[in-house]
Amino acid sequence: MLDCAARNRRGSALTNSTETRQLLFVLGVHRSGTSALCAALAASGVSFGSQLIDAMAGVNDEGFWEDAGVVAVNERLLALADSSWYAPAPDIADTDWADARFDSARQQATGLLQAGFGDAALQAVKDPRLCLTLPFWLGLCAQTGIAASVCVISRPPLEVARSLEKRDGLPMGYGLRLYACYRACIDRFAPPGAIRVAYNELLRDAPAVMARLAAVLPLSAGDPALAAAVRGDLRHHNAAGEGDLLSLADTGQPDLAALDREIDKRYPTDATLRDFATRFIARGLELAELGQAHTVALATLDERDADIAALADEHRQALETIEERDAQIREFDQRLAKLGEEHSYALEVVRERDAQLAETQQTLRERDAELAWIKQRLATVSKIPGVGYLIRRMRKHAQS
């Protein structure tokens, strides 16, 4: 482990969390197995923080394990050094990271380091760009009192270049030269005590690799989750058995001069440039075709927009018509309600009249009965001698 600072240099400004924190930098060329190593570290109790870049299907299905803030700082550092991850400057290894032009990035990076990357006993940071910017970060560890370690993972150059070709379209000759540049920076910047791991070894026996790392790092290497953390089925390129320098993973100090000669022999610079030009032109033609398709698509979208506008106008008119109909229905409902009230009143009046009529009819029946009785009595009385004559005379007098 590389102890990046003595505690007495920080004095009272050094917090307890910074004093006891251990930070592991995971180094490796792009596509060299850094993500697989981080998956094994995470299964062994290492934390990477909560701001990780999302996984990408077909590229890193299980996640990149890269802190978004660290990647942003590295991108900024490389841009200020007239570089990028895919096109580092020829003198990138000689960059003076203490220069004032990096002060703003240094302030941002200091904030990230002080905030930490989770709460495990061992925290880790992974980004292949660290191969180029590691001195910058180790310098900040020294200033902030963070004890740092470095773990380097290696993969055969051919496998890395083929993976870069598939993911980014880089010609094999360029991918191999990019590999050589990164390996040269790792060789120069990694401290003597850096831990070294081979990607092939990790895939073959992850528990054994993590047990070896646990001898020098605070890991729980026996975690059952470790067996499923490293997925060999995600490996799509394998140069094993090709038997040359480009198919070997060097976990020690690589012979960079021999590597450069082998790359130049198999992928000469002029052939690589022609390959680049061919791919560039092909990509340009592809973009031109995409541009034409995009133009047609835009025209179609304009037509669709016009159709949508027309439909929207029809829809608006339909809504207005519906509102009119709704108003008419509401008015009709009000009329029906009023008619209902009037009908109820009429029914009540009819019921009252019916009751009165029934009562009248009952009275008439009673009067008819009385009249019939009187007639019967008169008829009986009229039969009495002398009385009948008198009654007839009274009727005649009443009629005259």
Protein backbone atom coordinates (compact mmCIF):
# COMPACT_ATOMS: atom_id res chain seq x y z
CA MET A 1 0.00 0.00 0.00
CA LEU A 2 1.21 3.49 -0.85
CA ASP A 3 0.76 5.82 2.14
CA CYS A 4 0.02 9.17 0.51
CA ALA A 5 0.44 11.44 3.56
CA ALA A 6 1.64 11.69 7.11
CA ARG A 7 -1.11 12.68 9.51
CA ASN A 8 0.91 15.43 11.18
CA ARG A 9 1.00 17.35 7.88
CA ARG A 10 -2.74 17.93 8.03
CA GLY A 11 -3.01 18.85 11.71
CA SER A 12 -6.44 19.64 13.08
CA ALA A 13 -7.90 20.18 9.61
CA LEU A 14 -7.72 16.42 8.91
CA THR A 15 -10.98 14.66 9.79
CA ASN A 16 -11.15 11.20 11.32
CA SER A 17 -12.87 9.83 8.20
CA THR A 18 -9.97 11.01 6.07
CA GLU A 19 -7.38 9.67 8.48
CA THR A 20 -8.75 6.15 8.41
CA ARG A 21 -9.94 6.01 4.83
CA GLN A 22 -8.30 3.63 2.37
CA LEU A 23 -8.79 4.31 -1.32
CA LEU A 24 -7.97 1.84 -4.10
CA PHE A 25 -7.32 3.07 -7.65
CA VAL A 26 -8.17 0.41 -10.24
CA LEU A 27 -5.96 0.84 -13.30
CA GLY A 28 -6.27 -0.81 -16.67
CA VAL A 29 -6.52 0.00 -20.36
CA HIS A 30 -10.04 0.39 -21.76
CA ARG A 31 -11.64 -3.05 -22.31
CA SER A 32 -8.98 -4.80 -20.22
CA GLY A 33 -11.29 -6.25 -17.54
CA THR A 34 -11.41 -3.39 -15.03
CA SER A 35 -15.19 -3.75 -14.72
CA ALA A 36 -14.92 -7.48 -13.98
CA LEU A 37 -12.30 -6.75 -11.30
CA CYS A 38 -14.55 -4.09 -9.76
CA ALA A 39 -17.48 -6.52 -9.68
CA ALA A 40 -15.28 -8.95 -7.72
CA LEU A 41 -14.13 -6.15 -5.40
CA ALA A 42 -17.72 -5.06 -4.77
CA ALA A 43 -18.67 -8.65 -3.92
CA SER A 44 -15.78 -8.61 -1.46
CA GLY A 45 -17.04 -5.58 0.43
CA VAL A 46 -15.48 -2.65 -1.46
CA SER A 47 -17.68 0.43 -2.02
CA PHE A 48 -17.64 2.59 -5.17
CA GLY A 49 -20.08 5.34 -4.18
CA SER A 50 -23.62 6.09 -5.34
CA GLN A 51 -22.93 8.15 -8.47
CA LEU A 52 -21.92 5.34 -10.83
CA ILE A 53 -22.45 5.58 -14.58
CA ASP A 54 -25.33 3.38 -15.73
CA ALA A 55 -24.70 0.03 -17.39
CA MET A 56 -24.86 -0.18 -21.18
CA ALA A 57 -26.17 -3.30 -22.91
CA GLY A 58 -23.60 -4.94 -25.17
CA VAL A 59 -20.79 -2.74 -23.81
CA ASN A 60 -20.77 -3.20 -20.04
CA ASP A 61 -23.89 -5.21 -19.22
CA GLU A 62 -23.08 -5.38 -15.51
CA GLY A 63 -22.09 -1.71 -15.19
CA PHE A 64 -18.95 0.39 -15.64
CA TRP A 65 -18.24 0.87 -11.90
CA GLU A 66 -17.11 4.40 -12.77
CA ASP A 67 -17.98 7.40 -10.62
CA ALA A 68 -19.53 10.05 -12.87
CA GLY A 69 -17.72 12.87 -11.05
CA VAL A 70 -14.30 11.21 -11.39
CA VAL A 71 -14.86 10.56 -15.10
CA ALA A 72 -15.90 14.19 -15.60
CA VAL A 73 -12.74 15.43 -13.88
CA ASN A 74 -10.54 13.09 -15.94
CA GLU A 75 -12.21 14.24 -19.16
CA ARG A 76 -11.57 17.83 -18.14
CA LEU A 77 -7.94 17.15 -17.26
CA LEU A 78 -7.28 15.45 -20.60
CA ALA A 79 -8.98 18.26 -22.53
CA LEU A 80 -6.79 20.83 -20.73
CA ALA A 81 -3.78 18.70 -21.69
CA ASP A 82 -4.88 18.75 -25.37
CA SER A 83 -5.80 15.08 -25.14
CA SER A 84 -8.72 12.68 -24.91
CA TRP A 85 -9.02 9.08 -23.82
CA TYR A 86 -8.86 7.90 -27.45
CA ALA A 87 -6.20 10.39 -28.59
CA PRO A 88 -3.72 11.15 -25.80
CA ALA A 89 -1.01 13.66 -26.62
CA PRO A 90 2.40 12.10 -27.41
CA ASP A 91 3.83 13.76 -24.29
CA ILE A 92 0.88 13.04 -22.00
CA ALA A 93 3.14 11.14 -19.59
CA ASP A 94 5.23 14.29 -19.08
CA THR A 95 2.26 16.50 -18.13
CA ASP A 96 2.87 18.73 -15.12
CA TRP A 97 -0.39 18.12 -13.26
CA ALA A 98 0.59 20.73 -10.66
CA ASP A 99 0.28 23.45 -13.30
CA ALA A 100 -2.18 26.28 -12.56
CA ARG A 101 -4.32 25.44 -15.60
CA PHE A 102 -5.57 22.38 -13.67
CA ASP A 103 -6.51 24.33 -10.50
CA SER A 104 -10.26 24.33 -11.17
CA ALA A 105 -10.26 20.59 -11.87
CA ARG A 106 -8.11 20.09 -8.78
CA GLN A 107 -10.70 21.85 -6.61
CA GLN A 108 -13.47 19.68 -8.07
CA ALA A 109 -11.47 16.49 -7.57
CA THR A 110 -10.60 17.44 -3.99
CA GLY A 111 -14.30 17.72 -3.20
CA LEU A 112 -14.89 14.23 -4.61
CA LEU A 113 -12.08 12.72 -2.56
CA GLN A 114 -13.22 14.39 0.64
CA ALA A 115 -16.82 13.22 0.10
CA GLY A 116 -15.58 9.67 -0.39
CA PHE A 117 -17.03 6.76 -2.35
CA GLY A 118 -19.31 4.92 0.03
CA ASP A 119 -18.73 3.86 3.61
CA ALA A 120 -16.83 0.58 3.34
CA ALA A 121 -13.47 0.01 4.98
CA LEU A 122 -11.99 0.08 1.48
CA GLN A 123 -13.33 2.44 -1.15
CA ALA A 124 -12.39 2.22 -4.82
CA VAL A 125 -12.23 4.42 -7.90
CA LYS A 126 -12.12 2.97 -11.40
CA ASP A 127 -11.71 4.78 -14.71
CA PRO A 128 -9.32 3.71 -17.52
CA ARG A 129 -8.41 7.39 -17.93
CA LEU A 130 -6.64 7.07 -14.57
CA CYS A 131 -3.83 5.36 -16.48
CA LEU A 132 -3.07 8.81 -17.91
CA THR A 133 -3.97 11.02 -14.91
CA LEU A 134 -2.91 8.90 -11.91
CA PRO A 135 -0.16 11.34 -10.74
CA PHE A 136 -2.80 14.07 -10.43
CA TRP A 137 -4.98 11.93 -8.12
CA LEU A 138 -2.10 10.53 -6.05
CA GLY A 139 -0.91 14.10 -5.50
CA LEU A 140 -4.35 15.05 -4.17
CA CYS A 141 -4.32 12.00 -1.88
CA ALA A 142 -1.07 13.26 -0.41
CA GLN A 143 -2.59 16.70 0.18
CA THR A 144 -5.85 15.43 1.72
CA GLY A 145 -4.35 12.70 3.89
CA ILE A 146 -5.91 9.70 2.14
CA ALA A 147 -3.98 6.42 2.12
CA ALA A 148 -4.11 5.12 -1.44
CA SER A 149 -3.36 1.80 -3.13
CA VAL A 150 -3.18 0.88 -6.80
CA CYS A 151 -4.32 -2.33 -8.48
CA VAL A 152 -3.44 -2.90 -12.14
CA ILE A 153 -5.29 -5.41 -14.31
CA SER A 154 -3.77 -6.61 -17.59
CA ARG A 155 -5.29 -8.24 -20.66
CA PRO A 156 -3.63 -9.38 -23.90
CA PRO A 157 -3.21 -6.42 -26.32
CA LEU A 158 -5.02 -8.24 -29.15
CA GLU A 159 -8.11 -8.79 -27.01
CA VAL A 160 -8.16 -5.14 -25.96
CA ALA A 161 -7.71 -3.90 -29.55
CA ARG A 162 -10.43 -6.22 -30.89
CA SER A 163 -12.83 -5.05 -28.20
CA LEU A 164 -12.04 -1.40 -28.97
CA GLU A 165 -12.60 -2.10 -32.65
CA LYS A 166 -16.01 -3.62 -31.95
CA ARG A 167 -17.12 -0.93 -29.49
CA ASP A 168 -15.60 2.20 -31.02
CA GLY A 169 -14.66 1.23 -34.58
CA LEU A 170 -10.94 1.84 -34.00
CA PRO A 171 -8.63 0.01 -36.44
CA MET A 172 -6.57 -2.79 -34.90
CA GLY A 173 -3.31 -0.94 -35.49
CA TYR A 174 -4.62 2.15 -33.71
CA GLY A 175 -6.15 0.19 -30.83
CA LEU A 176 -2.84 -1.59 -30.24
CA ARG A 177 -0.92 1.69 -30.26
CA LEU A 178 -3.45 3.16 -27.83
CA TYR A 179 -2.89 0.09 -25.64
CA ALA A 180 0.87 0.66 -25.78
CA CYS A 181 0.45 4.32 -24.78
CA TYR A 182 -1.70 3.42 -21.77
CA ARG A 183 0.65 0.59 -20.74
CA ALA A 184 3.61 3.00 -20.91
CA CYS A 185 1.81 5.41 -18.56
CA ILE A 186 0.89 2.57 -16.19
CA ASP A 187 4.50 1.37 -16.21
CA ARG A 188 5.65 4.89 -15.36
CA PHE A 189 3.02 5.96 -12.84
CA ALA A 190 2.06 2.81 -10.89
CA PRO A 191 3.92 2.76 -7.56
CA PRO A 192 6.31 -0.11 -6.78
CA GLY A 193 3.83 -1.70 -4.38
CA ALA A 194 0.97 -1.78 -6.90
CA ILE A 195 -1.02 -5.03 -6.96
CA ARG A 196 -1.12 -6.74 -10.36
CA VAL A 197 -3.88 -9.01 -11.68
CA ALA A 198 -4.36 -10.77 -15.02
CA TYR A 199 -7.83 -10.74 -16.59
CA ASN A 200 -7.48 -14.38 -17.64
CA GLU A 201 -6.58 -15.34 -14.08
CA LEU A 202 -9.58 -13.43 -12.68
CA LEU A 203 -11.99 -15.23 -15.02
CA ARG A 204 -10.44 -18.61 -14.30
CA ASP A 205 -10.41 -18.40 -10.49
CA ALA A 206 -11.82 -15.18 -9.02
CA PRO A 207 -11.85 -16.48 -5.40
CA ALA A 208 -8.13 -17.25 -5.59
CA VAL A 209 -7.34 -13.79 -6.98
CA MET A 210 -9.42 -12.05 -4.32
CA ALA A 211 -7.83 -14.17 -1.60
CA ARG A 212 -4.44 -12.93 -2.78
CA LEU A 213 -5.68 -9.33 -2.71
CA ALA A 214 -7.20 -9.87 0.75
CA ALA A 215 -3.70 -10.51 2.06
CA VAL A 216 -2.87 -6.81 1.57
CA LEU A 217 -6.31 -5.15 1.43
CA PRO A 218 -9.29 -5.18 3.85
CA LEU A 219 -11.50 -7.52 1.79
CA SER A 220 -14.03 -10.23 2.62
CA ALA A 221 -12.74 -12.57 -0.07
CA GLY A 222 -14.84 -15.52 1.08
CA ASP A 223 -18.18 -13.87 0.31
CA PRO A 224 -20.52 -16.35 -1.49
CA ALA A 225 -21.58 -13.58 -3.92
CA LEU A 226 -18.08 -13.55 -5.38
CA ALA A 227 -18.65 -16.73 -7.41
CA ALA A 228 -21.43 -15.07 -9.41
CA ALA A 229 -19.87 -11.59 -9.59
CA VAL A 230 -17.33 -12.33 -12.36
CA ARG A 231 -19.14 -13.51 -15.49
CA GLY A 232 -16.98 -15.26 -18.05
CA ASP A 233 -19.87 -15.29 -20.55
CA LEU A 234 -19.42 -11.53 -21.04
CA ARG A 235 -15.97 -12.09 -22.53
CA HIS A 236 -16.26 -11.79 -26.31
CA HIS A 237 -12.60 -11.78 -27.38
CA ASN A 238 -10.00 -14.40 -26.55
CA ALA A 239 -6.47 -14.43 -28.00
CA ALA A 240 -5.30 -17.44 -25.99
CA GLY A 241 -3.27 -19.87 -28.06
CA GLU A 242 -2.12 -17.37 -30.69
CA GLY A 243 1.35 -17.59 -29.15
CA ASP A 244 2.87 -14.15 -29.73
CA LEU A 245 3.64 -11.03 -27.76
CA LEU A 246 0.30 -9.42 -28.64
CA SER A 247 -1.69 -12.34 -27.23
CA LEU A 248 0.00 -12.33 -23.81
CA ALA A 249 -1.04 -10.36 -20.72
CA ASP A 250 2.02 -8.98 -18.97
CA THR A 251 1.40 -8.52 -15.25
CA GLY A 252 4.90 -7.26 -14.56
CA GLN A 253 7.09 -4.65 -16.23
CA PRO A 254 6.27 -5.02 -19.96
CA ASP A 255 8.92 -4.77 -22.68
CA LEU A 256 7.32 -1.74 -24.30
CA ALA A 257 9.98 -1.45 -27.00
CA ALA A 258 9.38 -5.04 -28.07
CA LEU A 259 5.62 -4.42 -27.97
CA ASP A 260 6.00 -1.37 -30.25
CA ARG A 261 8.13 -3.34 -32.71
CA GLU A 262 5.57 -6.15 -32.87
CA ILE A 263 2.74 -3.68 -33.45
CA ASP A 264 4.69 -1.92 -36.22
CA LYS A 265 5.50 -5.28 -37.79
CA ARG A 266 1.92 -6.57 -37.89
CA TYR A 267 0.11 -3.27 -38.31
CA PRO A 268 2.42 -0.74 -40.02
CA THR A 269 1.66 2.92 -39.49
CA ASP A 270 0.83 3.64 -43.15
CA ALA A 271 -1.55 0.66 -43.29
CA THR A 272 -3.22 1.83 -40.06
CA LEU A 273 -3.62 5.34 -41.51
CA ARG A 274 -5.17 3.91 -44.69
CA ASP A 275 -7.51 1.82 -42.56
CA PHE A 276 -8.46 4.92 -40.60
CA ALA A 277 -9.07 6.88 -43.81
CA THR A 278 -11.17 4.07 -45.28
CA ARG A 279 -13.28 3.84 -42.15
CA PHE A 280 -13.55 7.62 -41.98
CA ILE A 281 -14.81 7.85 -45.56
CA ALA A 282 -17.16 4.90 -45.04
CA ARG A 283 -18.49 6.55 -41.92
CA GLY A 284 -18.90 9.79 -43.86
CA LEU A 285 -20.91 8.01 -46.55
CA GLU A 286 -22.97 6.34 -43.87
CA LEU A 287 -23.60 9.70 -42.24
CA ALA A 288 -24.53 11.17 -45.63
CA GLU A 289 -27.07 8.40 -46.12
CA LEU A 290 -28.33 9.00 -42.63
CA GLY A 291 -28.55 12.69 -43.44
CA GLN A 292 -30.66 12.00 -46.51
CA ALA A 293 -32.86 9.66 -44.51
CA HIS A 294 -33.08 12.33 -41.84
CA THR A 295 -34.16 14.91 -44.45
CA VAL A 296 -36.88 12.59 -45.72
CA ALA A 297 -37.91 11.88 -42.15
CA LEU A 298 -38.14 15.61 -41.41
CA ALA A 299 -40.32 16.14 -44.50
CA THR A 300 -42.54 13.29 -43.38
CA LEU A 301 -42.70 14.80 -39.91
CA ASP A 302 -43.78 18.12 -41.44
CA GLU A 303 -46.58 16.32 -43.26
CA ARG A 304 -47.57 14.54 -40.11
CA ASP A 305 -47.50 17.85 -38.22
CA ALA A 306 -49.85 19.35 -40.82
CA ASP A 307 -52.14 16.33 -40.51
CA ILE A 308 -52.06 16.62 -36.75
CA ALA A 309 -52.85 20.35 -36.96
CA ALA A 310 -55.84 19.60 -39.22
CA LEU A 311 -57.02 16.85 -36.91
CA ALA A 312 -56.56 19.17 -33.96
CA ASP A 313 -58.79 21.76 -35.67
CA GLU A 314 -61.43 19.10 -36.35
CA HIS A 315 -61.13 17.94 -32.78
CA ARG A 316 -61.59 21.49 -31.53
CA GLN A 317 -64.71 21.93 -33.68
CA ALA A 318 -66.04 18.58 -32.49
CA LEU A 319 -65.52 19.66 -28.89
CA GLU A 320 -67.40 22.90 -29.54
CA THR A 321 -70.27 20.91 -31.10
CA ILE A 322 -70.29 18.56 -28.14
CA GLU A 323 -70.42 21.52 -25.77
CA GLU A 324 -73.40 22.93 -27.70
CA ARG A 325 -75.15 19.57 -27.54
CA ASP A 326 -74.40 19.32 -23.85
CA ALA A 327 -75.96 22.73 -23.31
CA GLN A 328 -79.04 21.68 -25.27
CA ILE A 329 -79.27 18.46 -23.27
CA ARG A 330 -78.97 20.38 -20.02
CA GLU A 331 -81.78 22.73 -21.17
CA PHE A 332 -83.90 19.75 -22.20
CA ASP A 333 -83.26 18.11 -18.85
CA GLN A 334 -84.39 21.28 -17.11
CA ARG A 335 -87.58 21.31 -19.20
CA LEU A 336 -88.21 17.67 -18.42
CA ALA A 337 -87.72 18.37 -14.73
CA LYS A 338 -90.25 21.22 -14.91
CA LEU A 339 -92.73 19.06 -16.86
CA GLY A 340 -92.24 16.35 -14.27
CA GLU A 341 -93.11 18.78 -11.52
CA GLU A 342 -96.20 19.96 -13.45
CA HIS A 343 -97.21 16.37 -14.16
CA SER A 344 -96.90 15.49 -10.49
CA TYR A 345 -99.08 18.50 -9.61
CA ALA A 346 -101.67 17.50 -12.25
CA LEU A 347 -101.77 13.96 -10.93
CA GLU A 348 -102.33 15.27 -7.43
CA VAL A 349 -105.20 17.51 -8.66
CA VAL A 350 -106.72 14.57 -10.55
CA ARG A 351 -106.50 12.44 -7.42
CA GLU A 352 -108.24 15.18 -5.43
CA ARG A 353 -110.98 15.52 -8.10
CA ASP A 354 -111.40 11.74 -8.20
CA ALA A 355 -111.83 11.72 -4.44
CA GLN A 356 -114.39 14.55 -4.67
CA LEU A 357 -116.24 12.77 -7.51
CA ALA A 358 -116.32 9.54 -5.54
CA GLU A 359 -117.71 11.44 -2.59
CA THR A 360 -120.33 13.14 -4.82
CA GLN A 361 -121.30 9.83 -6.37
CA GLN A 362 -121.76 8.37 -2.88
CA THR A 363 -123.99 11.32 -1.95
CA LEU A 364 -126.02 10.85 -5.12
CA ARG A 365 -126.46 7.19 -4.36
CA GLU A 366 -127.66 8.07 -0.88
CA ARG A 367 -130.09 10.72 -2.27
CA ASP A 368 -131.34 8.24 -4.88
CA ALA A 369 -131.97 5.70 -2.14
CA GLU A 370 -133.86 8.29 -0.04
CA LEU A 371 -135.89 9.35 -3.09
CA ALA A 372 -136.77 5.77 -3.92
CA TRP A 373 -137.90 5.22 -0.33
CA ILE A 374 -140.03 8.37 -0.36
CA LYS A 375 -141.62 7.34 -3.66
CA GLN A 376 -142.32 3.96 -2.23
CA ARG A 377 -143.92 5.52 0.87
CA LEU A 378 -145.97 7.88 -1.24
CA ALA A 379 -147.16 5.01 -3.37
CA THR A 380 -148.23 3.16 -0.27
CA VAL A 381 -149.94 6.19 1.28
CA SER A 382 -151.67 6.99 -2.00
CA LYS A 383 -153.57 3.75 -1.74
CA ILE A 384 -155.30 4.85 1.48
CA PRO A 385 -158.89 6.02 0.73
CA GLY A 386 -159.26 9.76 0.68
CA VAL A 387 -155.54 10.33 1.18
CA GLY A 388 -154.63 9.49 -2.41
CA TYR A 389 -157.16 12.04 -3.68
CA LEU A 390 -155.66 14.68 -1.39
CA ILE A 391 -152.07 13.94 -2.52
CA ARG A 392 -153.06 14.18 -6.20
CA ARG A 393 -154.68 17.52 -5.59
CA MET A 394 -151.56 18.78 -3.86
CA ARG A 395 -149.33 17.68 -6.74
CA LYS A 396 -151.59 19.33 -9.29
CA HIS A 397 -151.60 22.52 -7.28
CA ALA A 398 -147.76 22.41 -7.00
CA GLN A 399 -147.39 21.98 -10.76
CA SER A 400 -149.78 24.85 -11.68
